Amino acid sequence: SLFDASGHGVAASLVTMLSENIIRQVYLEEYHKKVALGKILTDINTSLIDAKGAIDNFLTGILLGIKDKNDGSSKVSIANAGHPRPFIYKSKEDMVMEIQPPNADYIFGPIGINGIEFDYLDYEINMQSGDILLLYTDGLTETMNIHREDFGKSSVQALLQRNHSKSAQEILNVIIKKLNEHSSGAPRSDDVTTIIIKRK
């Protein structure tokens, strides 16, 4: 899983701590009962709205379920709650793409906002040997340089494609190095979290 709280300061910190406990509790209770990831996100949303009261901050997030298949590939189940769509490098095609939900009308909806429309639909992708999945918070692509230019999705996709033969840790190191070079001399306005999963 990867979640990101909106805002900064004390309120965001409180929501983060509160959310961590709720996410862990709901996930552990429901995943082992084979509850769908979208339903787990729905129950996390309900619990967080009840728990945080009048605090305005909310979360975006992604839940994943990964299962190995007999043919050596992996089935990855995804449920997204308003979070940036992950990137996947497909080894067979030698290309990077954003993972799109199957339905163009799919409403992601963040977590923790009362009264908004949302649909945490589950969908699946296959990961073959050499495929790479990259999850990130928006602080990665929206980090600016001294000219107020974003690091951008295209930079992340290009780095993932050029370095696909490296290990997940090595790819992460390259991305962080290039991000730091891009933002050198410019103040950071957001935190950055990145998760890279490579199928051997």
Protein backbone atom coordinates (compact mmCIF):
# COMPACT_ATOMS: atom_id res chain seq x y z
CA SER A 1 0.00 0.00 0.00
CA LEU A 2 0.94 3.64 -0.46
CA PHE A 3 -1.00 6.55 1.04
CA ASP A 4 -0.43 10.30 1.06
CA ALA A 5 -2.07 12.83 3.41
CA SER A 6 -3.13 16.22 2.08
CA GLY A 7 -1.70 19.42 3.49
CA HIS A 8 1.12 20.02 5.95
CA GLY A 9 1.56 20.82 9.62
CA VAL A 10 -0.12 19.52 12.75
CA ALA A 11 -3.49 18.58 11.20
CA ALA A 12 -1.84 16.54 8.44
CA SER A 13 0.38 14.79 11.00
CA LEU A 14 -2.61 13.92 13.16
CA VAL A 15 -4.55 12.54 10.20
CA THR A 16 -1.50 10.52 9.14
CA MET A 17 -1.14 8.91 12.57
CA LEU A 18 -4.87 8.24 12.83
CA SER A 19 -5.02 6.83 9.30
CA GLU A 20 -2.07 4.52 9.82
CA ASN A 21 -3.87 2.71 12.64
CA ILE A 22 -7.17 2.53 10.75
CA ILE A 23 -5.57 1.29 7.51
CA ARG A 24 -3.57 -1.39 9.32
CA GLN A 25 -6.53 -2.59 11.38
CA VAL A 26 -9.05 -2.71 8.52
CA TYR A 27 -6.61 -4.25 6.06
CA LEU A 28 -5.43 -7.01 8.39
CA GLU A 29 -8.99 -7.87 9.43
CA GLU A 30 -10.40 -8.00 5.91
CA TYR A 31 -7.64 -9.08 3.52
CA HIS A 32 -7.20 -12.48 5.17
CA LYS A 33 -10.94 -12.99 4.75
CA LYS A 34 -10.41 -12.43 1.00
CA VAL A 35 -12.41 -9.18 1.01
CA ALA A 36 -11.91 -7.28 -2.27
CA LEU A 37 -9.41 -4.42 -2.15
CA GLY A 38 -12.04 -1.90 -3.27
CA LYS A 39 -14.28 -2.90 -0.35
CA ILE A 40 -11.31 -2.59 2.01
CA LEU A 41 -10.71 0.97 0.76
CA THR A 42 -14.42 1.73 1.20
CA ASP A 43 -14.31 0.54 4.82
CA ILE A 44 -11.09 2.51 5.47
CA ASN A 45 -12.85 5.59 4.07
CA THR A 46 -15.89 5.12 6.33
CA SER A 47 -13.74 4.53 9.42
CA LEU A 48 -11.53 7.54 8.76
CA ILE A 49 -14.47 9.90 8.19
CA ASP A 50 -16.00 8.75 11.49
CA ALA A 51 -12.72 9.03 13.39
CA LYS A 52 -11.35 12.39 12.24
CA GLY A 53 -14.48 14.45 12.70
CA ALA A 54 -14.17 18.05 11.50
CA ILE A 55 -10.52 17.84 10.38
CA ASP A 56 -10.43 18.76 6.68
CA ASN A 57 -7.34 16.80 5.62
CA PHE A 58 -7.83 13.69 3.50
CA LEU A 59 -5.80 10.88 1.94
CA THR A 60 -5.09 9.49 -1.47
CA GLY A 61 -3.87 5.93 -1.69
CA ILE A 62 -3.42 2.61 -3.45
CA LEU A 63 -3.83 -0.95 -2.23
CA LEU A 64 -2.16 -3.84 -4.05
CA GLY A 65 -2.52 -7.59 -3.84
CA ILE A 66 0.16 -9.68 -5.57
CA LYS A 67 -0.16 -13.41 -6.25
CA ASP A 68 2.27 -15.64 -8.12
CA LYS A 69 0.82 -17.77 -10.92
CA ASN A 70 1.89 -21.21 -12.09
CA ASP A 71 3.33 -19.84 -15.35
CA GLY A 72 5.92 -17.71 -13.49
CA SER A 73 4.02 -14.44 -13.83
CA SER A 74 2.20 -12.51 -11.11
CA LYS A 75 -1.39 -11.27 -10.90
CA VAL A 76 -1.52 -7.77 -9.38
CA SER A 77 -4.86 -6.55 -8.03
CA ILE A 78 -5.17 -2.77 -7.65
CA ALA A 79 -7.65 -0.42 -5.97
CA ASN A 80 -6.99 3.30 -6.25
CA ALA A 81 -8.35 6.12 -4.08
CA GLY A 82 -7.49 9.35 -5.90
CA HIS A 83 -3.77 8.55 -6.04
CA PRO A 84 -1.42 9.10 -9.01
CA ARG A 85 -1.69 6.13 -11.34
CA PRO A 86 1.28 3.76 -11.11
CA PHE A 87 3.73 3.25 -13.98
CA ILE A 88 4.57 -0.18 -15.34
CA TYR A 89 7.52 -1.14 -17.49
CA LYS A 90 6.59 -4.05 -19.75
CA SER A 91 9.73 -6.03 -20.56
CA LYS A 92 8.30 -7.84 -23.57
CA GLU A 93 7.25 -4.60 -25.28
CA ASP A 94 10.14 -2.53 -23.85
CA MET A 95 7.80 0.33 -22.96
CA VAL A 96 6.53 2.26 -19.92
CA MET A 97 2.87 3.16 -19.47
CA GLU A 98 0.51 4.53 -16.87
CA ILE A 99 -1.79 1.86 -15.49
CA GLN A 100 -5.29 2.83 -16.55
CA PRO A 101 -8.47 1.45 -15.00
CA PRO A 102 -10.57 -0.61 -17.43
CA ASN A 103 -13.54 1.77 -17.26
CA ALA A 104 -13.07 5.33 -18.53
CA ASP A 105 -15.86 6.50 -16.19
CA TYR A 106 -14.11 5.10 -13.12
CA ILE A 107 -14.26 7.63 -10.25
CA PHE A 108 -11.25 7.27 -7.97
CA GLY A 109 -12.24 9.60 -5.12
CA PRO A 110 -9.87 10.29 -2.21
CA ILE A 111 -10.37 8.92 1.30
CA GLY A 112 -11.78 10.87 4.24
CA ILE A 113 -14.07 13.42 2.55
CA ASN A 114 -17.69 13.12 3.56
CA GLY A 115 -20.38 13.40 0.89
CA ILE A 116 -18.33 13.00 -2.31
CA GLU A 117 -18.85 10.38 -5.01
CA PHE A 118 -16.28 7.59 -5.19
CA ASP A 119 -15.85 4.09 -6.58
CA TYR A 120 -12.91 2.02 -5.38
CA LEU A 121 -13.17 -0.55 -8.15
CA ASP A 122 -10.70 -3.45 -8.24
CA TYR A 123 -8.84 -4.14 -11.45
CA GLU A 124 -5.95 -6.42 -12.38
CA ILE A 125 -2.72 -6.44 -14.38
CA ASN A 126 -0.23 -9.20 -15.14
CA MET A 127 3.48 -8.87 -14.38
CA GLN A 128 5.85 -11.03 -16.41
CA SER A 129 9.55 -11.61 -15.77
CA GLY A 130 11.42 -8.30 -16.04
CA ASP A 131 8.32 -6.15 -15.60
CA ILE A 132 8.60 -3.25 -13.14
CA LEU A 133 5.84 -1.54 -11.16
CA LEU A 134 6.43 1.98 -9.82
CA LEU A 135 4.15 3.64 -7.25
CA TYR A 136 4.75 7.21 -6.12
CA THR A 137 3.33 10.22 -4.33
CA ASP A 138 2.76 13.41 -6.31
CA GLY A 139 5.77 15.00 -4.64
CA LEU A 140 7.92 13.02 -7.07
CA THR A 141 6.51 14.37 -10.33
CA GLU A 142 5.60 17.83 -8.99
CA THR A 143 8.99 18.72 -7.48
CA MET A 144 10.13 21.94 -9.15
CA ASN A 145 13.53 23.30 -10.13
CA ILE A 146 14.68 26.93 -9.80
CA HIS A 147 12.78 27.71 -13.03
CA ARG A 148 9.56 26.32 -11.50
CA GLU A 149 9.53 23.37 -13.92
CA ASP A 150 8.12 20.07 -12.62
CA PHE A 151 10.26 16.94 -12.62
CA GLY A 152 7.27 15.47 -14.44
CA LYS A 153 5.88 12.07 -15.36
CA SER A 154 7.88 11.88 -18.59
CA SER A 155 11.17 12.12 -16.64
CA VAL A 156 10.17 9.25 -14.37
CA GLN A 157 9.02 7.13 -17.31
CA ALA A 158 12.25 7.77 -19.25
CA LEU A 159 14.42 6.89 -16.25
CA LEU A 160 12.44 3.70 -15.66
CA GLN A 161 12.84 2.62 -19.28
CA ARG A 162 16.55 3.47 -19.53
CA ASN A 163 17.39 1.66 -16.29
CA HIS A 164 15.06 -1.34 -16.53
CA SER A 165 17.94 -3.85 -16.43
CA LYS A 166 18.99 -2.64 -12.96
CA SER A 167 17.60 -3.91 -9.66
CA ALA A 168 14.64 -2.17 -8.02
CA GLN A 169 16.97 -0.54 -5.47
CA GLU A 170 19.33 0.68 -8.19
CA ILE A 171 16.45 2.15 -10.20
CA LEU A 172 15.19 3.93 -7.08
CA ASN A 173 18.67 5.34 -6.44
CA VAL A 174 18.89 6.69 -10.00
CA ILE A 175 15.47 8.36 -9.78
CA ILE A 176 16.24 10.02 -6.43
CA LYS A 177 19.65 11.18 -7.70
CA LYS A 178 18.09 12.76 -10.81
CA LEU A 179 15.31 14.30 -8.72
CA ASN A 180 17.84 15.90 -6.38
CA GLU A 181 19.80 17.22 -9.35
CA HIS A 182 16.61 18.66 -10.84
CA SER A 183 15.57 20.43 -7.63
CA SER A 184 19.03 21.65 -6.60
CA GLY A 185 18.75 25.18 -5.25
CA ALA A 186 14.95 25.15 -5.16
CA PRO A 187 12.91 24.76 -1.94
CA ARG A 188 10.94 21.52 -1.56
CA SER A 189 7.22 21.95 -0.94
CA ASP A 190 6.22 18.29 -0.60
CA ASP A 191 7.59 14.96 0.54
CA VAL A 192 8.46 12.16 -1.89
CA THR A 193 7.70 8.46 -1.52
CA THR A 194 8.41 5.89 -4.22
CA ILE A 195 7.96 2.11 -4.26
CA ILE A 196 9.47 -0.03 -7.03
CA ILE A 197 8.56 -3.70 -7.50
CA LYS A 198 10.44 -5.78 -10.08
CA ARG A 199 9.30 -9.25 -11.20
CA LYS A 200 12.30 -11.55 -11.49
